[in-house]
All heavy atoms as atom14 arrays in JSON, in Angstrom:
{
  "sequence": "DTLGLAGTRFGCGSGDCGTCMVLLDGRPVTACDLPLDAVAGKSVIT",
  "atom14_mask": [
    [1, 1, 1, 1, 1, 1, 1, 1, 0, 0, 0, 0, 0, 0],
    [1, 1, 1, 1, 1, 1, 1, 0, 0, 0, 0, 0, 0, 0],
    [1, 1, 1, 1, 1, 1, 1, 1, 0, 0, 0, 0, 0, 0],
    [1, 1, 1, 1, 0, 0, 0, 0, 0, 0, 0, 0, 0, 0],
    [1, 1, 1, 1, 1, 1, 1, 1, 0, 0, 0, 0, 0, 0],
    [1, 1, 1, 1, 1, 0, 0, 0, 0, 0, 0, 0, 0, 0],
    [1, 1, 1, 1, 0, 0, 0, 0, 0, 0, 0, 0, 0, 0],
    [1, 1, 1, 1, 1, 1, 1, 0, 0, 0, 0, 0, 0, 0],
    [1, 1, 1, 1, 1, 1, 1, 1, 1, 1, 1, 0, 0, 0],
    [1, 1, 1, 1, 1, 1, 1, 1, 1, 1, 1, 0, 0, 0],
    [1, 1, 1, 1, 0, 0, 0, 0, 0, 0, 0, 0, 0, 0],
    [1, 1, 1, 1, 1, 1, 0, 0, 0, 0, 0, 0, 0, 0],
    [1, 1, 1, 1, 0, 0, 0, 0, 0, 0, 0, 0, 0, 0],
    [1, 1, 1, 1, 1, 1, 0, 0, 0, 0, 0, 0, 0, 0],
    [1, 1, 1, 1, 0, 0, 0, 0, 0, 0, 0, 0, 0, 0],
    [1, 1, 1, 1, 1, 1, 1, 1, 0, 0, 0, 0, 0, 0],
    [1, 1, 1, 1, 1, 1, 0, 0, 0, 0, 0, 0, 0, 0],
    [1, 1, 1, 1, 0, 0, 0, 0, 0, 0, 0, 0, 0, 0],
    [1, 1, 1, 1, 1, 1, 1, 0, 0, 0, 0, 0, 0, 0],
    [1, 1, 1, 1, 1, 1, 0, 0, 0, 0, 0, 0, 0, 0],
    [1, 1, 1, 1, 1, 1, 1, 1, 0, 0, 0, 0, 0, 0],
    [1, 1, 1, 1, 1, 1, 1, 0, 0, 0, 0, 0, 0, 0],
    [1, 1, 1, 1, 1, 1, 1, 1, 0, 0, 0, 0, 0, 0],
    [1, 1, 1, 1, 1, 1, 1, 1, 0, 0, 0, 0, 0, 0],
    [1, 1, 1, 1, 1, 1, 1, 1, 0, 0, 0, 0, 0, 0],
    [1, 1, 1, 1, 0, 0, 0, 0, 0, 0, 0, 0, 0, 0],
    [1, 1, 1, 1, 1, 1, 1, 1, 1, 1, 1, 0, 0, 0],
    [1, 1, 1, 1, 1, 1, 1, 0, 0, 0, 0, 0, 0, 0],
    [1, 1, 1, 1, 1, 1, 1, 0, 0, 0, 0, 0, 0, 0],
    [1, 1, 1, 1, 1, 1, 1, 0, 0, 0, 0, 0, 0, 0],
    [1, 1, 1, 1, 1, 0, 0, 0, 0, 0, 0, 0, 0, 0],
    [1, 1, 1, 1, 1, 1, 0, 0, 0, 0, 0, 0, 0, 0],
    [1, 1, 1, 1, 1, 1, 1, 1, 0, 0, 0, 0, 0, 0],
    [1, 1, 1, 1, 1, 1, 1, 1, 0, 0, 0, 0, 0, 0],
    [1, 1, 1, 1, 1, 1, 1, 0, 0, 0, 0, 0, 0, 0],
    [1, 1, 1, 1, 1, 1, 1, 1, 0, 0, 0, 0, 0, 0],
    [1, 1, 1, 1, 1, 1, 1, 1, 0, 0, 0, 0, 0, 0],
    [1, 1, 1, 1, 1, 0, 0, 0, 0, 0, 0, 0, 0, 0],
    [1, 1, 1, 1, 1, 1, 1, 0, 0, 0, 0, 0, 0, 0],
    [1, 1, 1, 1, 1, 0, 0, 0, 0, 0, 0, 0, 0, 0],
    [1, 1, 1, 1, 0, 0, 0, 0, 0, 0, 0, 0, 0, 0],
    [1, 1, 1, 1, 1, 1, 1, 1, 1, 0, 0, 0, 0, 0],
    [1, 1, 1, 1, 1, 1, 0, 0, 0, 0, 0, 0, 0, 0],
    [1, 1, 1, 1, 1, 1, 1, 0, 0, 0, 0, 0, 0, 0],
    [1, 1, 1, 1, 1, 1, 1, 1, 0, 0, 0, 0, 0, 0],
    [1, 1, 1, 1, 1, 1, 1, 0, 0, 0, 0, 0, 0, 0]
  ],
  "atom14_positions": [
    [[0.8, -1.23, 0.0], [0.0, 0.0, 0.0], [0.83, 1.27, 0.0], [0.43, 2.27, -0.58], [-0.95, 0.01, 1.2], [-1.94, -1.15, 1.16], [-2.07, -1.81, 0.11], [-2.58, -1.4, 2.2], [0.0, 0.0, 0.0], [0.0, 0.0, 0.0], [0.0, 0.0, 0.0], [0.0, 0.0, 0.0], [0.0, 0.0, 0.0], [0.0, 0.0, 0.0]],
    [[1.98, 1.25, 0.67], [2.81, 2.45, 0.75], [3.82, 2.51, -0.39], [4.0, 3.55, -1.01], [3.55, 2.51, 2.11], [2.58, 2.43, 3.16], [4.36, 3.79, 2.25], [0.0, 0.0, 0.0], [0.0, 0.0, 0.0], [0.0, 0.0, 0.0], [0.0, 0.0, 0.0], [0.0, 0.0, 0.0], [0.0, 0.0, 0.0], [0.0, 0.0, 0.0]],
    [[4.46, 1.38, -0.68], [5.54, 1.37, -1.66], [5.11, 0.86, -3.04], [5.88, 0.94, -3.99], [6.71, 0.53, -1.14], [7.31, 1.01, 0.19], [8.42, 0.07, 0.64], [7.83, 2.44, 0.06], [0.0, 0.0, 0.0], [0.0, 0.0, 0.0], [0.0, 0.0, 0.0], [0.0, 0.0, 0.0], [0.0, 0.0, 0.0], [0.0, 0.0, 0.0]],
    [[3.91, 0.33, -3.16], [3.41, -0.13, -4.45], [4.06, -1.4, -4.96], [4.03, -1.68, -6.16], [0.0, 0.0, 0.0], [0.0, 0.0, 0.0], [0.0, 0.0, 0.0], [0.0, 0.0, 0.0], [0.0, 0.0, 0.0], [0.0, 0.0, 0.0], [0.0, 0.0, 0.0], [0.0, 0.0, 0.0], [0.0, 0.0, 0.0], [0.0, 0.0, 0.0]],
    [[4.65, -2.19, -4.07], [5.28, -3.46, -4.46], [4.23, -4.56, -4.34], [4.14, -5.26, -3.33], [6.5, -3.74, -3.58], [7.62, -2.7, -3.71], [8.69, -2.94, -2.65], [8.22, -2.72, -5.1], [0.0, 0.0, 0.0], [0.0, 0.0, 0.0], [0.0, 0.0, 0.0], [0.0, 0.0, 0.0], [0.0, 0.0, 0.0], [0.0, 0.0, 0.0]],
    [[3.45, -4.72, -5.38], [2.29, -5.61, -5.34], [2.62, -7.07, -5.61], [1.72, -7.92, -5.56], [1.24, -5.12, -6.33], [0.0, 0.0, 0.0], [0.0, 0.0, 0.0], [0.0, 0.0, 0.0], [0.0, 0.0, 0.0], [0.0, 0.0, 0.0], [0.0, 0.0, 0.0], [0.0, 0.0, 0.0], [0.0, 0.0, 0.0], [0.0, 0.0, 0.0]],
    [[3.88, -7.4, -5.89], [4.24, -8.8, -6.14], [4.11, -9.67, -4.92], [3.83, -10.87, -5.01], [0.0, 0.0, 0.0], [0.0, 0.0, 0.0], [0.0, 0.0, 0.0], [0.0, 0.0, 0.0], [0.0, 0.0, 0.0], [0.0, 0.0, 0.0], [0.0, 0.0, 0.0], [0.0, 0.0, 0.0], [0.0, 0.0, 0.0], [0.0, 0.0, 0.0]],
    [[4.31, -9.09, -3.74], [4.12, -9.83, -2.49], [2.64, -9.8, -2.18], [2.05, -8.74, -2.06], [4.94, -9.18, -1.35], [6.31, -9.11, -1.75], [4.83, -9.99, -0.07], [0.0, 0.0, 0.0], [0.0, 0.0, 0.0], [0.0, 0.0, 0.0], [0.0, 0.0, 0.0], [0.0, 0.0, 0.0], [0.0, 0.0, 0.0], [0.0, 0.0, 0.0]],
    [[2.04, -10.95, -2.07], [0.58, -11.05, -2.0], [0.07, -11.31, -0.59], [0.76, -11.88, 0.24], [0.09, -12.18, -2.9], [0.52, -12.06, -4.34], [-0.46, -11.23, -5.11], [-0.05, -10.84, -6.42], [0.18, -11.62, -7.46], [0.1, -12.91, -7.34], [0.51, -11.12, -8.62], [0.0, 0.0, 0.0], [0.0, 0.0, 0.0], [0.0, 0.0, 0.0]],
    [[-1.18, -10.94, -0.35], [-1.87, -11.26, 0.9], [-2.57, -12.59, 0.71], [-3.29, -12.79, -0.27], [-2.9, -10.18, 1.24], [-3.68, -10.49, 2.49], [-3.17, -10.12, 3.72], [-4.88, -11.16, 2.43], [-3.87, -10.42, 4.88], [-5.59, -11.47, 3.59], [-5.08, -11.1, 4.81], [0.0, 0.0, 0.0], [0.0, 0.0, 0.0], [0.0, 0.0, 0.0]],
    [[-2.33, -13.51, 1.64], [-3.0, -14.81, 1.58], [-3.89, -15.01, 2.79], [-5.06, -14.67, 2.78], [0.0, 0.0, 0.0], [0.0, 0.0, 0.0], [0.0, 0.0, 0.0], [0.0, 0.0, 0.0], [0.0, 0.0, 0.0], [0.0, 0.0, 0.0], [0.0, 0.0, 0.0], [0.0, 0.0, 0.0], [0.0, 0.0, 0.0], [0.0, 0.0, 0.0]],
    [[-3.32, -15.5, 3.86], [-4.11, -15.84, 5.05], [-4.14, -14.74, 6.1], [-5.06, -14.68, 6.9], [-3.56, -17.12, 5.68], [-1.88, -16.93, 6.32], [0.0, 0.0, 0.0], [0.0, 0.0, 0.0], [0.0, 0.0, 0.0], [0.0, 0.0, 0.0], [0.0, 0.0, 0.0], [0.0, 0.0, 0.0], [0.0, 0.0, 0.0], [0.0, 0.0, 0.0]],
    [[-3.12, -13.9, 6.15], [-3.05, -12.85, 7.15], [-2.51, -13.31, 8.5], [-2.43, -12.51, 9.43], [0.0, 0.0, 0.0], [0.0, 0.0, 0.0], [0.0, 0.0, 0.0], [0.0, 0.0, 0.0], [0.0, 0.0, 0.0], [0.0, 0.0, 0.0], [0.0, 0.0, 0.0], [0.0, 0.0, 0.0], [0.0, 0.0, 0.0], [0.0, 0.0, 0.0]],
    [[-2.17, -14.59, 8.6], [-1.68, -15.1, 9.88], [-0.31, -15.79, 9.77], [0.13, -16.44, 10.7], [-2.7, -16.07, 10.48], [-2.92, -17.17, 9.61], [0.0, 0.0, 0.0], [0.0, 0.0, 0.0], [0.0, 0.0, 0.0], [0.0, 0.0, 0.0], [0.0, 0.0, 0.0], [0.0, 0.0, 0.0], [0.0, 0.0, 0.0], [0.0, 0.0, 0.0]],
    [[0.34, -15.65, 8.62], [1.67, -16.23, 8.45], [1.69, -17.73, 8.22], [2.74, -18.36, 8.37], [0.0, 0.0, 0.0], [0.0, 0.0, 0.0], [0.0, 0.0, 0.0], [0.0, 0.0, 0.0], [0.0, 0.0, 0.0], [0.0, 0.0, 0.0], [0.0, 0.0, 0.0], [0.0, 0.0, 0.0], [0.0, 0.0, 0.0], [0.0, 0.0, 0.0]],
    [[0.57, -18.3, 7.82], [0.49, -19.75, 7.67], [0.62, -20.26, 6.23], [0.93, -21.42, 6.02], [-0.83, -20.27, 8.24], [-0.91, -20.11, 9.73], [0.12, -20.29, 10.4], [-2.0, -19.78, 10.24], [0.0, 0.0, 0.0], [0.0, 0.0, 0.0], [0.0, 0.0, 0.0], [0.0, 0.0, 0.0], [0.0, 0.0, 0.0], [0.0, 0.0, 0.0]],
    [[0.39, -19.39, 5.22], [0.33, -19.9, 3.85], [1.58, -19.63, 3.02], [1.8, -20.28, 2.01], [-0.9, -19.35, 3.13], [-0.79, -17.61, 2.69], [0.0, 0.0, 0.0], [0.0, 0.0, 0.0], [0.0, 0.0, 0.0], [0.0, 0.0, 0.0], [0.0, 0.0, 0.0], [0.0, 0.0, 0.0], [0.0, 0.0, 0.0], [0.0, 0.0, 0.0]],
    [[2.39, -18.65, 3.42], [3.63, -18.36, 2.69], [3.47, -17.48, 1.47], [4.45, -17.15, 0.81], [0.0, 0.0, 0.0], [0.0, 0.0, 0.0], [0.0, 0.0, 0.0], [0.0, 0.0, 0.0], [0.0, 0.0, 0.0], [0.0, 0.0, 0.0], [0.0, 0.0, 0.0], [0.0, 0.0, 0.0], [0.0, 0.0, 0.0], [0.0, 0.0, 0.0]],
    [[2.26, -17.07, 1.16], [2.03, -16.24, -0.02], [2.78, -14.91, 0.06], [3.24, -14.39, -0.94], [0.52, -16.0, -0.21], [-0.1, -17.28, -0.39], [0.23, -15.13, -1.41], [0.0, 0.0, 0.0], [0.0, 0.0, 0.0], [0.0, 0.0, 0.0], [0.0, 0.0, 0.0], [0.0, 0.0, 0.0], [0.0, 0.0, 0.0], [0.0, 0.0, 0.0]],
    [[2.94, -14.39, 1.27], [3.56, -13.08, 1.47], [5.05, -13.17, 1.81], [5.62, -12.21, 2.33], [2.82, -12.32, 2.57], [2.98, -13.11, 4.18], [0.0, 0.0, 0.0], [0.0, 0.0, 0.0], [0.0, 0.0, 0.0], [0.0, 0.0, 0.0], [0.0, 0.0, 0.0], [0.0, 0.0, 0.0], [0.0, 0.0, 0.0], [0.0, 0.0, 0.0]],
    [[5.68, -14.28, 1.51], [7.07, -14.49, 1.89], [8.0, -13.46, 1.24], [7.88, -13.14, 0.06], [7.49, -15.9, 1.46], [8.63, -16.48, 2.21], [8.26, -16.91, 3.92], [7.3, -18.4, 3.75], [0.0, 0.0, 0.0], [0.0, 0.0, 0.0], [0.0, 0.0, 0.0], [0.0, 0.0, 0.0], [0.0, 0.0, 0.0], [0.0, 0.0, 0.0]],
    [[8.91, -12.93, 2.06], [9.99, -12.04, 1.62], [11.26, -12.54, 2.29], [11.22, -13.36, 3.2], [9.72, -10.56, 2.01], [8.47, -10.03, 1.32], [9.64, -10.38, 3.51], [0.0, 0.0, 0.0], [0.0, 0.0, 0.0], [0.0, 0.0, 0.0], [0.0, 0.0, 0.0], [0.0, 0.0, 0.0], [0.0, 0.0, 0.0], [0.0, 0.0, 0.0]],
    [[12.39, -12.02, 1.82], [13.66, -12.34, 2.48], [13.99, -11.22, 3.45], [14.02, -10.05, 3.06], [14.77, -12.49, 1.44], [14.59, -13.62, 0.44], [15.74, -13.63, -0.56], [14.48, -14.96, 1.14], [0.0, 0.0, 0.0], [0.0, 0.0, 0.0], [0.0, 0.0, 0.0], [0.0, 0.0, 0.0], [0.0, 0.0, 0.0], [0.0, 0.0, 0.0]],
    [[14.25, -11.57, 4.68], [14.67, -10.62, 5.7], [16.09, -11.0, 6.09], [16.31, -12.06, 6.68], [13.75, -10.67, 6.92], [14.1, -9.74, 8.07], [14.04, -8.28, 7.64], [13.18, -9.99, 9.25], [0.0, 0.0, 0.0], [0.0, 0.0, 0.0], [0.0, 0.0, 0.0], [0.0, 0.0, 0.0], [0.0, 0.0, 0.0], [0.0, 0.0, 0.0]],
    [[17.04, -10.16, 5.69], [18.45, -10.48, 5.9], [18.77, -11.89, 5.38], [19.5, -12.65, 6.0], [18.85, -10.32, 7.37], [18.88, -8.87, 7.82], [18.98, -7.97, 6.95], [18.81, -8.63, 9.04], [0.0, 0.0, 0.0], [0.0, 0.0, 0.0], [0.0, 0.0, 0.0], [0.0, 0.0, 0.0], [0.0, 0.0, 0.0], [0.0, 0.0, 0.0]],
    [[18.17, -12.23, 4.23], [18.44, -13.5, 3.57], [17.59, -14.68, 4.01], [17.65, -15.74, 3.4], [0.0, 0.0, 0.0], [0.0, 0.0, 0.0], [0.0, 0.0, 0.0], [0.0, 0.0, 0.0], [0.0, 0.0, 0.0], [0.0, 0.0, 0.0], [0.0, 0.0, 0.0], [0.0, 0.0, 0.0], [0.0, 0.0, 0.0], [0.0, 0.0, 0.0]],
    [[16.78, -14.51, 5.04], [15.92, -15.6, 5.54], [14.48, -15.38, 5.09], [13.97, -14.26, 5.18], [15.95, -15.64, 7.07], [17.25, -16.06, 7.68], [17.21, -16.16, 9.22], [15.91, -15.93, 9.84], [15.5, -14.77, 10.36], [16.26, -13.71, 10.35], [14.31, -14.68, 10.93], [0.0, 0.0, 0.0], [0.0, 0.0, 0.0], [0.0, 0.0, 0.0]],
    [[13.79, -16.44, 4.65], [12.39, -16.27, 4.26], [11.5, -16.08, 5.5], [11.59, -16.84, 6.47], [12.06, -17.58, 3.54], [13.04, -18.58, 4.07], [14.26, -17.81, 4.46], [0.0, 0.0, 0.0], [0.0, 0.0, 0.0], [0.0, 0.0, 0.0], [0.0, 0.0, 0.0], [0.0, 0.0, 0.0], [0.0, 0.0, 0.0], [0.0, 0.0, 0.0]],
    [[10.69, -15.02, 5.46], [9.75, -14.73, 6.54], [8.43, -14.27, 5.93], [8.4, -13.78, 4.8], [10.28, -13.64, 7.5], [11.56, -14.08, 8.2], [10.5, -12.32, 6.78], [0.0, 0.0, 0.0], [0.0, 0.0, 0.0], [0.0, 0.0, 0.0], [0.0, 0.0, 0.0], [0.0, 0.0, 0.0], [0.0, 0.0, 0.0], [0.0, 0.0, 0.0]],
    [[7.36, -14.43, 6.68], [6.07, -13.95, 6.21], [5.93, -12.47, 6.57], [6.23, -12.05, 7.68], [4.92, -14.77, 6.83], [5.07, -14.8, 8.25], [4.91, -16.19, 6.28], [0.0, 0.0, 0.0], [0.0, 0.0, 0.0], [0.0, 0.0, 0.0], [0.0, 0.0, 0.0], [0.0, 0.0, 0.0], [0.0, 0.0, 0.0], [0.0, 0.0, 0.0]],
    [[5.46, -11.68, 5.63], [5.34, -10.24, 5.81], [3.99, -9.81, 6.37], [3.87, -8.7, 6.87], [5.58, -9.53, 4.47], [0.0, 0.0, 0.0], [0.0, 0.0, 0.0], [0.0, 0.0, 0.0], [0.0, 0.0, 0.0], [0.0, 0.0, 0.0], [0.0, 0.0, 0.0], [0.0, 0.0, 0.0], [0.0, 0.0, 0.0], [0.0, 0.0, 0.0]],
    [[2.99, -10.68, 6.33], [1.65, -10.29, 6.78], [1.57, -10.14, 8.29], [0.74, -9.38, 8.79], [0.6, -11.27, 6.29], [0.7, -12.91, 7.07], [0.0, 0.0, 0.0], [0.0, 0.0, 0.0], [0.0, 0.0, 0.0], [0.0, 0.0, 0.0], [0.0, 0.0, 0.0], [0.0, 0.0, 0.0], [0.0, 0.0, 0.0], [0.0, 0.0, 0.0]],
    [[2.4, -10.86, 9.02], [2.33, -10.83, 10.47], [3.62, -10.28, 11.1], [3.87, -10.45, 12.28], [2.03, -12.22, 11.03], [3.06, -13.27, 10.65], [3.95, -12.99, 9.81], [2.99, -14.39, 11.18], [0.0, 0.0, 0.0], [0.0, 0.0, 0.0], [0.0, 0.0, 0.0], [0.0, 0.0, 0.0], [0.0, 0.0, 0.0], [0.0, 0.0, 0.0]],
    [[4.41, -9.59, 10.3], [5.67, -9.03, 10.76], [5.53, -7.51, 10.88], [5.33, -6.83, 9.89], [6.79, -9.38, 9.77], [8.21, -9.03, 10.16], [8.64, -9.82, 11.39], [9.14, -9.33, 8.99], [0.0, 0.0, 0.0], [0.0, 0.0, 0.0], [0.0, 0.0, 0.0], [0.0, 0.0, 0.0], [0.0, 0.0, 0.0], [0.0, 0.0, 0.0]],
    [[5.61, -6.97, 12.11], [5.46, -5.53, 12.26], [6.65, -4.77, 11.69], [7.79, -5.25, 11.7], [5.35, -5.33, 13.77], [5.98, -6.53, 14.37], [5.81, -7.65, 13.37], [0.0, 0.0, 0.0], [0.0, 0.0, 0.0], [0.0, 0.0, 0.0], [0.0, 0.0, 0.0], [0.0, 0.0, 0.0], [0.0, 0.0, 0.0], [0.0, 0.0, 0.0]],
    [[6.37, -3.59, 11.2], [7.39, -2.77, 10.57], [8.59, -2.53, 11.49], [9.73, -2.58, 11.04], [6.79, -1.43, 10.13], [7.71, -0.47, 9.4], [8.25, -1.1, 8.12], [6.98, 0.82, 9.09], [0.0, 0.0, 0.0], [0.0, 0.0, 0.0], [0.0, 0.0, 0.0], [0.0, 0.0, 0.0], [0.0, 0.0, 0.0], [0.0, 0.0, 0.0]],
    [[8.35, -2.31, 12.77], [9.47, -2.03, 13.66], [10.42, -3.23, 13.82], [11.56, -3.06, 14.19], [9.01, -1.5, 15.02], [8.2, -2.47, 15.83], [7.79, -3.52, 15.31], [7.95, -2.18, 17.02], [0.0, 0.0, 0.0], [0.0, 0.0, 0.0], [0.0, 0.0, 0.0], [0.0, 0.0, 0.0], [0.0, 0.0, 0.0], [0.0, 0.0, 0.0]],
    [[9.97, -4.43, 13.48], [10.83, -5.61, 13.56], [11.83, -5.67, 12.41], [12.79, -6.45, 12.46], [9.98, -6.88, 13.57], [0.0, 0.0, 0.0], [0.0, 0.0, 0.0], [0.0, 0.0, 0.0], [0.0, 0.0, 0.0], [0.0, 0.0, 0.0], [0.0, 0.0, 0.0], [0.0, 0.0, 0.0], [0.0, 0.0, 0.0], [0.0, 0.0, 0.0]],
    [[11.63, -4.86, 11.37], [12.54, -4.88, 10.23], [13.37, -3.61, 10.12], [14.13, -3.43, 9.18], [11.79, -5.15, 8.9], [11.06, -6.48, 8.95], [10.83, -4.03, 8.57], [0.0, 0.0, 0.0], [0.0, 0.0, 0.0], [0.0, 0.0, 0.0], [0.0, 0.0, 0.0], [0.0, 0.0, 0.0], [0.0, 0.0, 0.0], [0.0, 0.0, 0.0]],
    [[13.24, -2.73, 11.11], [14.0, -1.47, 11.1], [15.49, -1.77, 11.01], [16.03, -2.6, 11.73], [13.7, -0.67, 12.36], [0.0, 0.0, 0.0], [0.0, 0.0, 0.0], [0.0, 0.0, 0.0], [0.0, 0.0, 0.0], [0.0, 0.0, 0.0], [0.0, 0.0, 0.0], [0.0, 0.0, 0.0], [0.0, 0.0, 0.0], [0.0, 0.0, 0.0]],
    [[16.16, -1.11, 10.05], [17.6, -1.27, 9.88], [18.01, -2.57, 9.23], [19.2, -2.85, 9.11], [0.0, 0.0, 0.0], [0.0, 0.0, 0.0], [0.0, 0.0, 0.0], [0.0, 0.0, 0.0], [0.0, 0.0, 0.0], [0.0, 0.0, 0.0], [0.0, 0.0, 0.0], [0.0, 0.0, 0.0], [0.0, 0.0, 0.0], [0.0, 0.0, 0.0]],
    [[17.06, -3.37, 8.77], [17.37, -4.66, 8.15], [17.14, -4.59, 6.64], [16.62, -3.62, 6.12], [16.53, -5.76, 8.78], [16.85, -5.93, 10.26], [16.09, -7.05, 10.87], [16.49, -7.15, 12.35], [15.76, -8.2, 13.02], [0.0, 0.0, 0.0], [0.0, 0.0, 0.0], [0.0, 0.0, 0.0], [0.0, 0.0, 0.0], [0.0, 0.0, 0.0]],
    [[17.5, -5.67, 5.97], [17.35, -5.76, 4.52], [16.18, -6.67, 4.17], [16.11, -7.81, 4.62], [18.63, -6.3, 3.89], [18.44, -6.53, 2.51], [0.0, 0.0, 0.0], [0.0, 0.0, 0.0], [0.0, 0.0, 0.0], [0.0, 0.0, 0.0], [0.0, 0.0, 0.0], [0.0, 0.0, 0.0], [0.0, 0.0, 0.0], [0.0, 0.0, 0.0]],
    [[15.26, -6.15, 3.34], [14.11, -6.9, 2.87], [14.22, -7.02, 1.35], [14.43, -6.02, 0.66], [12.78, -6.2, 3.24], [11.59, -6.91, 2.61], [12.63, -6.12, 4.75], [0.0, 0.0, 0.0], [0.0, 0.0, 0.0], [0.0, 0.0, 0.0], [0.0, 0.0, 0.0], [0.0, 0.0, 0.0], [0.0, 0.0, 0.0], [0.0, 0.0, 0.0]],
    [[14.07, -8.24, 0.86], [14.03, -8.47, -0.59], [12.67, -9.08, -0.92], [12.27, -10.09, -0.34], [15.15, -9.43, -1.06], [16.53, -8.91, -0.7], [15.04, -9.7, -2.57], [16.97, -7.67, -1.43], [0.0, 0.0, 0.0], [0.0, 0.0, 0.0], [0.0, 0.0, 0.0], [0.0, 0.0, 0.0], [0.0, 0.0, 0.0], [0.0, 0.0, 0.0]],
    [[11.98, -8.44, -1.86], [10.69, -8.96, -2.35], [10.92, -9.63, -3.69], [12.02, -9.6, -4.24], [9.68, -7.8, -2.52], [10.11, -6.97, -3.6], [9.54, -6.99, -1.24], [0.0, 0.0, 0.0], [0.0, 0.0, 0.0], [0.0, 0.0, 0.0], [0.0, 0.0, 0.0], [0.0, 0.0, 0.0], [0.0, 0.0, 0.0], [0.0, 0.0, 0.0]]
  ]
}
């Protein structure tokens, strides 16, 4: 919604389906249940 990167999709909203997976410092994590402050200063790859 803010950055317009629509390739990462909303699936379940609870981190169970993997549809919203991104790389956080090289590790796959779900973005739907990850608060913004948890990624401050880190690297996210979509």
